[in-house]
Amino acid sequence: MIFLKEYKIKMDDVERIFVNQGPGKFSSLRISISIAKAISLAKNITLTGFNSKFVENGDYEKLLESNKKKDLVINDLIKPLYSS
């Protein structure tokens, strides 16, 4: 919520939530995916999962472009990919 306040965005303005599916540590992925799913369900916002391998050096433009093409993102089932 700090992010939203900092950029003066209201929850009603959010149209989509992107959540990293991994690979990553078990607890981190479970918590972030659970929170994203809860907000998505409570506010009826589309939830989109992505693989962190598609975001290199913090370049989220590729993710946003892929969302438009619907080739690197998953909208139906958000399934974590755990690393060891």
PDB file of N, CA and C in Angstrom:
ATOM      1  N   MET A   1       0.806  -1.187   0.000  1.00  0.00           N
ATOM      2  CA  MET A   1       0.000   0.000   0.000  1.00  0.00           C
ATOM      3  C   MET A   1       0.853   1.256   0.000  1.00  0.00           C
ATOM      4  N   ILE A   2       2.086   1.166   0.478  1.00  0.00           N
ATOM      5  CA  ILE A   2       2.982   2.320   0.463  1.00  0.00           C
ATOM      6  C   ILE A   2       3.238   2.751  -0.978  1.00  0.00           C
ATOM      7  N   PHE A   3       3.427   1.777  -1.871  1.00  0.00           N
ATOM      8  CA  PHE A   3       3.631   2.071  -3.288  1.00  0.00           C
ATOM      9  C   PHE A   3       2.459   2.866  -3.853  1.00  0.00           C
ATOM     10  N   LEU A   4       1.245   2.417  -3.550  1.00  0.00           N
ATOM     11  CA  LEU A   4       0.059   3.093  -4.058  1.00  0.00           C
ATOM     12  C   LEU A   4      -0.029   4.531  -3.534  1.00  0.00           C
ATOM     13  N   LYS A   5       0.255   4.711  -2.250  1.00  0.00           N
ATOM     14  CA  LYS A   5       0.215   6.057  -1.667  1.00  0.00           C
ATOM     15  C   LYS A   5       1.284   6.953  -2.273  1.00  0.00           C
ATOM     16  N   GLU A   6       2.477   6.394  -2.445  1.00  0.00           N
ATOM     17  CA  GLU A   6       3.587   7.181  -2.985  1.00  0.00           C
ATOM     18  C   GLU A   6       3.280   7.694  -4.388  1.00  0.00           C
ATOM     19  N   TYR A   7       2.631   6.873  -5.193  1.00  0.00           N
ATOM     20  CA  TYR A   7       2.314   7.265  -6.567  1.00  0.00           C
ATOM     21  C   TYR A   7       0.871   7.756  -6.731  1.00  0.00           C
ATOM     22  N   LYS A   8       0.200   7.961  -5.605  1.00  0.00           N
ATOM     23  CA  LYS A   8      -1.172   8.498  -5.578  1.00  0.00           C
ATOM     24  C   LYS A   8      -2.114   7.695  -6.470  1.00  0.00           C
ATOM     25  N   ILE A   9      -2.071   6.373  -6.283  1.00  0.00           N
ATOM     26  CA  ILE A   9      -2.935   5.454  -7.025  1.00  0.00           C
ATOM     27  C   ILE A   9      -3.946   4.865  -6.056  1.00  0.00           C
ATOM     28  N   LYS A  10      -5.195   4.811  -6.462  1.00  0.00           N
ATOM     29  CA  LYS A  10      -6.243   4.199  -5.650  1.00  0.00           C
ATOM     30  C   LYS A  10      -6.435   2.755  -6.090  1.00  0.00           C
ATOM     31  N   MET A  11      -6.821   1.895  -5.162  1.00  0.00           N
ATOM     32  CA  MET A  11      -7.053   0.483  -5.499  1.00  0.00           C
ATOM     33  C   MET A  11      -8.098   0.336  -6.605  1.00  0.00           C
ATOM     34  N   ASP A  12      -9.052   1.231  -6.645  1.00  0.00           N
ATOM     35  CA  ASP A  12     -10.087   1.170  -7.686  1.00  0.00           C
ATOM     36  C   ASP A  12      -9.523   1.449  -9.076  1.00  0.00           C
ATOM     37  N   ASP A  13      -8.322   2.029  -9.150  1.00  0.00           N
ATOM     38  CA  ASP A  13      -7.690   2.325 -10.435  1.00  0.00           C
ATOM     39  C   ASP A  13      -6.863   1.149 -10.965  1.00  0.00           C
ATOM     40  N   VAL A  14      -6.598   0.165 -10.118  1.00  0.00           N
ATOM     41  CA  VAL A  14      -5.771  -0.980 -10.508  1.00  0.00           C
ATOM     42  C   VAL A  14      -6.603  -1.941 -11.355  1.00  0.00           C
ATOM     43  N   GLU A  15      -6.097  -2.243 -12.560  1.00  0.00           N
ATOM     44  CA  GLU A  15      -6.809  -3.123 -13.488  1.00  0.00           C
ATOM     45  C   GLU A  15      -6.221  -4.526 -13.545  1.00  0.00           C
ATOM     46  N   ARG A  16      -4.948  -4.662 -13.187  1.00  0.00           N
ATOM     47  CA  ARG A  16      -4.283  -5.959 -13.280  1.00  0.00           C
ATOM     48  C   ARG A  16      -3.183  -6.037 -12.233  1.00  0.00           C
ATOM     49  N   ILE A  17      -3.018  -7.229 -11.666  1.00  0.00           N
ATOM     50  CA  ILE A  17      -1.935  -7.481 -10.719  1.00  0.00           C
ATOM     51  C   ILE A  17      -1.005  -8.506 -11.361  1.00  0.00           C
ATOM     52  N   PHE A  18       0.271  -8.174 -11.425  1.00  0.00           N
ATOM     53  CA  PHE A  18       1.280  -9.109 -11.913  1.00  0.00           C
ATOM     54  C   PHE A  18       1.975  -9.707 -10.703  1.00  0.00           C
ATOM     55  N   VAL A  19       2.153 -11.023 -10.720  1.00  0.00           N
ATOM     56  CA  VAL A  19       2.844 -11.688  -9.614  1.00  0.00           C
ATOM     57  C   VAL A  19       3.916 -12.617 -10.175  1.00  0.00           C
ATOM     58  N   ASN A  20       5.098 -12.554  -9.566  1.00  0.00           N
ATOM     59  CA  ASN A  20       6.220 -13.392  -9.980  1.00  0.00           C
ATOM     60  C   ASN A  20       5.980 -14.815  -9.493  1.00  0.00           C
ATOM     61  N   GLN A  21       5.989 -15.764 -10.403  1.00  0.00           N
ATOM     62  CA  GLN A  21       5.784 -17.180 -10.071  1.00  0.00           C
ATOM     63  C   GLN A  21       7.088 -17.886  -9.741  1.00  0.00           C
ATOM     64  N   GLY A  22       8.203 -17.230  -9.911  1.00  0.00           N
ATOM     65  CA  GLY A  22       9.485 -17.845  -9.613  1.00  0.00           C
ATOM     66  C   GLY A  22      10.341 -17.929 -10.870  1.00  0.00           C
ATOM     67  N   PRO A  23      11.425 -18.658 -10.802  1.00  0.00           N
ATOM     68  CA  PRO A  23      11.838 -19.457  -9.655  1.00  0.00           C
ATOM     69  C   PRO A  23      12.245 -18.577  -8.476  1.00  0.00           C
ATOM     70  N   GLY A  24      12.063 -19.152  -7.302  1.00  0.00           N
ATOM     71  CA  GLY A  24      12.382 -18.425  -6.087  1.00  0.00           C
ATOM     72  C   GLY A  24      12.226 -19.296  -4.858  1.00  0.00           C
ATOM     73  N   LYS A  25      12.471 -18.720  -3.727  1.00  0.00           N
ATOM     74  CA  LYS A  25      12.389 -19.439  -2.447  1.00  0.00           C
ATOM     75  C   LYS A  25      10.933 -19.718  -2.076  1.00  0.00           C
ATOM     76  N   PHE A  26      10.711 -20.847  -1.464  1.00  0.00           N
ATOM     77  CA  PHE A  26       9.382 -21.350  -1.136  1.00  0.00           C
ATOM     78  C   PHE A  26       8.528 -20.321  -0.398  1.00  0.00           C
ATOM     79  N   SER A  27       9.012 -19.842   0.729  1.00  0.00           N
ATOM     80  CA  SER A  27       8.205 -18.927   1.565  1.00  0.00           C
ATOM     81  C   SER A  27       7.900 -17.622   0.845  1.00  0.00           C
ATOM     82  N   SER A  28       8.883 -17.066   0.166  1.00  0.00           N
ATOM     83  CA  SER A  28       8.682 -15.799  -0.530  1.00  0.00           C
ATOM     84  C   SER A  28       7.611 -15.914  -1.598  1.00  0.00           C
ATOM     85  N   LEU A  29       7.670 -16.977  -2.390  1.00  0.00           N
ATOM     86  CA  LEU A  29       6.683 -17.160  -3.461  1.00  0.00           C
ATOM     87  C   LEU A  29       5.292 -17.425  -2.897  1.00  0.00           C
ATOM     88  N   ARG A  30       5.220 -18.270  -1.898  1.00  0.00           N
ATOM     89  CA  ARG A  30       3.913 -18.585  -1.318  1.00  0.00           C
ATOM     90  C   ARG A  30       3.238 -17.341  -0.744  1.00  0.00           C
ATOM     91  N   ILE A  31       3.984 -16.538  -0.051  1.00  0.00           N
ATOM     92  CA  ILE A  31       3.416 -15.341   0.558  1.00  0.00           C
ATOM     93  C   ILE A  31       2.983 -14.338  -0.507  1.00  0.00           C
ATOM     94  N   SER A  32       3.871 -14.045  -1.462  1.00  0.00           N
ATOM     95  CA  SER A  32       3.532 -13.037  -2.474  1.00  0.00           C
ATOM     96  C   SER A  32       2.371 -13.486  -3.353  1.00  0.00           C
ATOM     97  N   ILE A  33       2.330 -14.757  -3.735  1.00  0.00           N
ATOM     98  CA  ILE A  33       1.229 -15.265  -4.559  1.00  0.00           C
ATOM     99  C   ILE A  33      -0.070 -15.257  -3.761  1.00  0.00           C
ATOM    100  N   SER A  34      -0.016 -15.640  -2.495  1.00  0.00           N
ATOM    101  CA  SER A  34      -1.222 -15.643  -1.654  1.00  0.00           C
ATOM    102  C   SER A  34      -1.797 -14.236  -1.492  1.00  0.00           C
ATOM    103  N   ILE A  35      -0.935 -13.262  -1.256  1.00  0.00           N
ATOM    104  CA  ILE A  35      -1.399 -11.884  -1.104  1.00  0.00           C
ATOM    105  C   ILE A  35      -1.989 -11.379  -2.418  1.00  0.00           C
ATOM    106  N   ALA A  36      -1.307 -11.643  -3.525  1.00  0.00           N
ATOM    107  CA  ALA A  36      -1.804 -11.195  -4.833  1.00  0.00           C
ATOM    108  C   ALA A  36      -3.155 -11.828  -5.152  1.00  0.00           C
ATOM    109  N   LYS A  37      -3.300 -13.134  -4.855  1.00  0.00           N
ATOM    110  CA  LYS A  37      -4.581 -13.815  -5.098  1.00  0.00           C
ATOM    111  C   LYS A  37      -5.692 -13.236  -4.227  1.00  0.00           C
ATOM    112  N   ALA A  38      -5.381 -12.954  -2.971  1.00  0.00           N
ATOM    113  CA  ALA A  38      -6.390 -12.408  -2.058  1.00  0.00           C
ATOM    114  C   ALA A  38      -6.875 -11.040  -2.522  1.00  0.00           C
ATOM    115  N   ILE A  39      -5.946 -10.174  -2.892  1.00  0.00           N
ATOM    116  CA  ILE A  39      -6.335  -8.850  -3.383  1.00  0.00           C
ATOM    117  C   ILE A  39      -7.124  -8.983  -4.682  1.00  0.00           C
ATOM    118  N   SER A  40      -6.682  -9.860  -5.550  1.00  0.00           N
ATOM    119  CA  SER A  40      -7.369 -10.083  -6.827  1.00  0.00           C
ATOM    120  C   SER A  40      -8.808 -10.534  -6.622  1.00  0.00           C
ATOM    121  N   LEU A  41      -9.003 -11.469  -5.723  1.00  0.00           N
ATOM    122  CA  LEU A  41     -10.358 -11.961  -5.450  1.00  0.00           C
ATOM    123  C   LEU A  41     -11.218 -10.915  -4.755  1.00  0.00           C
ATOM    124  N   ALA A  42     -10.648 -10.228  -3.779  1.00  0.00           N
ATOM    125  CA  ALA A  42     -11.413  -9.245  -3.015  1.00  0.00           C
ATOM    126  C   ALA A  42     -11.840  -8.044  -3.856  1.00  0.00           C
ATOM    127  N   LYS A  43     -10.988  -7.634  -4.775  1.00  0.00           N
ATOM    128  CA  LYS A  43     -11.260  -6.443  -5.576  1.00  0.00           C
ATOM    129  C   LYS A  43     -11.677  -6.769  -7.016  1.00  0.00           C
ATOM    130  N   ASN A  44     -11.766  -8.061  -7.343  1.00  0.00           N
ATOM    131  CA  ASN A  44     -12.138  -8.496  -8.693  1.00  0.00           C
ATOM    132  C   ASN A  44     -11.198  -7.895  -9.748  1.00  0.00           C
ATOM    133  N   ILE A  45      -9.890  -8.087  -9.521  1.00  0.00           N
ATOM    134  CA  ILE A  45      -8.849  -7.579 -10.407  1.00  0.00           C
ATOM    135  C   ILE A  45      -8.185  -8.778 -11.074  1.00  0.00           C
ATOM    136  N   THR A  46      -7.896  -8.651 -12.353  1.00  0.00           N
ATOM    137  CA  THR A  46      -7.232  -9.732 -13.088  1.00  0.00           C
ATOM    138  C   THR A  46      -5.853  -9.981 -12.507  1.00  0.00           C
ATOM    139  N   LEU A  47      -5.550 -11.250 -12.261  1.00  0.00           N
ATOM    140  CA  LEU A  47      -4.254 -11.664 -11.728  1.00  0.00           C
ATOM    141  C   LEU A  47      -3.469 -12.342 -12.837  1.00  0.00           C
ATOM    142  N   THR A  48      -2.244 -11.888 -13.055  1.00  0.00           N
ATOM    143  CA  THR A  48      -1.401 -12.423 -14.115  1.00  0.00           C
ATOM    144  C   THR A  48      -0.073 -12.862 -13.525  1.00  0.00           C
ATOM    145  N   GLY A  49       0.310 -14.102 -13.780  1.00  0.00           N
ATOM    146  CA  GLY A  49       1.586 -14.626 -13.304  1.00  0.00           C
ATOM    147  C   GLY A  49       2.635 -14.560 -14.388  1.00  0.00           C
ATOM    148  N   PHE A  50       3.886 -14.403 -13.962  1.00  0.00           N
ATOM    149  CA  PHE A  50       4.986 -14.403 -14.921  1.00  0.00           C
ATOM    150  C   PHE A  50       6.200 -15.086 -14.302  1.00  0.00           C
ATOM    151  N   ASN A  51       7.096 -15.562 -15.155  1.00  0.00           N
ATOM    152  CA  ASN A  51       8.324 -16.206 -14.739  1.00  0.00           C
ATOM    153  C   ASN A  51       9.403 -15.139 -14.647  1.00  0.00           C
ATOM    154  N   SER A  52      10.142 -15.114 -13.560  1.00  0.00           N
ATOM    155  CA  SER A  52      11.145 -14.070 -13.352  1.00  0.00           C
ATOM    156  C   SER A  52      12.246 -14.095 -14.408  1.00  0.00           C
ATOM    157  N   LYS A  53      12.401 -15.189 -15.122  1.00  0.00           N
ATOM    158  CA  LYS A  53      13.416 -15.262 -16.177  1.00  0.00           C
ATOM    159  C   LYS A  53      13.105 -14.304 -17.322  1.00  0.00           C
ATOM    160  N   PHE A  54      11.833 -13.881 -17.432  1.00  0.00           N
ATOM    161  CA  PHE A  54      11.447 -12.971 -18.500  1.00  0.00           C
ATOM    162  C   PHE A  54      11.724 -11.516 -18.151  1.00  0.00           C
ATOM    163  N   VAL A  55      12.097 -11.244 -16.912  1.00  0.00           N
ATOM    164  CA  VAL A  55      12.395  -9.871 -16.485  1.00  0.00           C
ATOM    165  C   VAL A  55      13.878  -9.815 -16.167  1.00  0.00           C
ATOM    166  N   GLU A  56      14.645  -9.287 -17.107  1.00  0.00           N
ATOM    167  CA  GLU A  56      16.091  -9.211 -16.938  1.00  0.00           C
ATOM    168  C   GLU A  56      16.496  -7.805 -16.534  1.00  0.00           C
ATOM    169  N   ASN A  57      17.310  -7.696 -15.510  1.00  0.00           N
ATOM    170  CA  ASN A  57      17.830  -6.409 -15.035  1.00  0.00           C
ATOM    171  C   ASN A  57      16.728  -5.397 -14.721  1.00  0.00           C
ATOM    172  N   GLY A  58      15.613  -5.886 -14.197  1.00  0.00           N
ATOM    173  CA  GLY A  58      14.522  -4.987 -13.821  1.00  0.00           C
ATOM    174  C   GLY A  58      13.789  -4.368 -14.996  1.00  0.00           C
ATOM    175  N   ASP A  59      13.942  -4.942 -16.200  1.00  0.00           N
ATOM    176  CA  ASP A  59      13.285  -4.413 -17.398  1.00  0.00           C
ATOM    177  C   ASP A  59      11.885  -5.011 -17.520  1.00  0.00           C
ATOM    178  N   TYR A  60      10.915  -4.306 -16.958  1.00  0.00           N
ATOM    179  CA  TYR A  60       9.540  -4.791 -16.948  1.00  0.00           C
ATOM    180  C   TYR A  60       8.794  -4.459 -18.238  1.00  0.00           C
ATOM    181  N   GLU A  61       9.426  -3.703 -19.133  1.00  0.00           N
ATOM    182  CA  GLU A  61       8.787  -3.380 -20.413  1.00  0.00           C
ATOM    183  C   GLU A  61       8.488  -4.654 -21.195  1.00  0.00           C
ATOM    184  N   LYS A  62       9.422  -5.608 -21.151  1.00  0.00           N
ATOM    185  CA  LYS A  62       9.222  -6.884 -21.853  1.00  0.00           C
ATOM    186  C   LYS A  62       7.998  -7.606 -21.301  1.00  0.00           C
ATOM    187  N   LEU A  63       7.821  -7.553 -20.000  1.00  0.00           N
ATOM    188  CA  LEU A  63       6.659  -8.178 -19.367  1.00  0.00           C
ATOM    189  C   LEU A  63       5.365  -7.512 -19.821  1.00  0.00           C
ATOM    190  N   LEU A  64       5.353  -6.196 -19.855  1.00  0.00           N
ATOM    191  CA  LEU A  64       4.158  -5.471 -20.281  1.00  0.00           C
ATOM    192  C   LEU A  64       3.850  -5.728 -21.753  1.00  0.00           C
ATOM    193  N   GLU A  65       4.889  -5.812 -22.591  1.00  0.00           N
ATOM    194  CA  GLU A  65       4.690  -6.128 -24.007  1.00  0.00           C
ATOM    195  C   GLU A  65       4.158  -7.550 -24.162  1.00  0.00           C
ATOM    196  N   SER A  66       4.692  -8.474 -23.378  1.00  0.00           N
ATOM    197  CA  SER A  66       4.246  -9.869 -23.439  1.00  0.00           C
ATOM    198  C   SER A  66       2.804 -10.000 -22.995  1.00  0.00           C
ATOM    199  N   ASN A  67       2.408  -9.182 -22.045  1.00  0.00           N
ATOM    200  CA  ASN A  67       1.027  -9.209 -21.588  1.00  0.00           C
ATOM    201  C   ASN A  67       0.085  -8.825 -22.728  1.00  0.00           C
ATOM    202  N   LYS A  68       0.489  -7.861 -23.524  1.00  0.00           N
ATOM    203  CA  LYS A  68      -0.328  -7.448 -24.668  1.00  0.00           C
ATOM    204  C   LYS A  68      -0.437  -8.576 -25.688  1.00  0.00           C
ATOM    205  N   LYS A  69       0.678  -9.321 -25.896  1.00  0.00           N
ATOM    206  CA  LYS A  69       0.691 -10.428 -26.854  1.00  0.00           C
ATOM    207  C   LYS A  69       0.133 -11.710 -26.252  1.00  0.00           C
ATOM    208  N   LYS A  70       0.095 -11.761 -24.918  1.00  0.00           N
ATOM    209  CA  LYS A  70      -0.360 -12.927 -24.161  1.00  0.00           C
ATOM    210  C   LYS A  70       0.496 -14.170 -24.446  1.00  0.00           C
ATOM    211  N   ASP A  71       1.818 -13.973 -24.569  1.00  0.00           N
ATOM    212  CA  ASP A  71       2.673 -15.116 -24.859  1.00  0.00           C
ATOM    213  C   ASP A  71       3.552 -15.581 -23.695  1.00  0.00           C
ATOM    214  N   LEU A  72       3.860 -14.709 -22.736  1.00  0.00           N
ATOM    215  CA  LEU A  72       4.743 -15.105 -21.640  1.00  0.00           C
ATOM    216  C   LEU A  72       4.065 -15.068 -20.282  1.00  0.00           C
ATOM    217  N   VAL A  73       2.769 -14.793 -20.267  1.00  0.00           N
ATOM    218  CA  VAL A  73       2.074 -14.656 -18.998  1.00  0.00           C
ATOM    219  C   VAL A  73       0.945 -15.662 -18.892  1.00  0.00           C
ATOM    220  N   ILE A  74       0.549 -15.957 -17.660  1.00  0.00           N
ATOM    221  CA  ILE A  74      -0.508 -16.923 -17.398  1.00  0.00           C
ATOM    222  C   ILE A  74      -1.595 -16.229 -16.596  1.00  0.00           C
ATOM    223  N   ASN A  75      -2.823 -16.296 -17.081  1.00  0.00           N
ATOM    224  CA  ASN A  75      -3.921 -15.619 -16.395  1.00  0.00           C
ATOM    225  C   ASN A  75      -4.823 -16.572 -15.621  1.00  0.00           C
ATOM    226  N   ASP A  76      -4.771 -17.857 -15.900  1.00  0.00           N
ATOM    227  CA  ASP A  76      -5.720 -18.782 -15.301  1.00  0.00           C
ATOM    228  C   ASP A  76      -5.244 -19.343 -13.963  1.00  0.00           C
ATOM    229  N   LEU A  77      -4.099 -19.972 -13.945  1.00  0.00           N
ATOM    230  CA  LEU A  77      -3.598 -20.630 -12.748  1.00  0.00           C
ATOM    231  C   LEU A  77      -2.221 -20.065 -12.414  1.00  0.00           C
ATOM    232  N   ILE A  78      -2.079 -19.560 -11.233  1.00  0.00           N
ATOM    233  CA  ILE A  78      -0.791 -19.036 -10.803  1.00  0.00           C
ATOM    234  C   ILE A  78      -0.133 -20.137  -9.983  1.00  0.00           C
ATOM    235  N   LYS A  79       0.875 -20.766 -10.586  1.00  0.00           N
ATOM    236  CA  LYS A  79       1.548 -21.899  -9.955  1.00  0.00           C
ATOM    237  C   LYS A  79       3.007 -21.546  -9.711  1.00  0.00           C
ATOM    238  N   PRO A  80       3.469 -21.607  -8.463  1.00  0.00           N
ATOM    239  CA  PRO A  80       4.850 -21.230  -8.171  1.00  0.00           C
ATOM    240  C   PRO A  80       5.858 -22.217  -8.730  1.00  0.00           C
ATOM    241  N   LEU A  81       7.052 -21.698  -9.050  1.00  0.00           N
ATOM    242  CA  LEU A  81       8.179 -22.509  -9.490  1.00  0.00           C
ATOM    243  C   LEU A  81       9.272 -22.316  -8.437  1.00  0.00           C
ATOM    244  N   TYR A  82       9.447 -23.306  -7.588  1.00  0.00           N
ATOM    245  CA  TYR A  82      10.379 -23.189  -6.469  1.00  0.00           C
ATOM    246  C   TYR A  82      11.800 -23.525  -6.893  1.00  0.00           C
ATOM    247  N   SER A  83      12.756 -22.830  -6.310  1.00  0.00           N
ATOM    248  CA  SER A  83      14.161 -23.165  -6.506  1.00  0.00           C
ATOM    249  C   SER A  83      14.680 -23.771  -5.213  1.00  0.00           C
ATOM    250  N   SER A  84      15.817 -24.394  -5.302  1.00  0.00           N
ATOM    251  CA  SER A  84      16.366 -25.026  -4.099  1.00  0.00           C
ATOM    252  C   SER A  84      17.306 -24.139  -3.358  1.00  0.00           C
TER     253      SER A  84
END
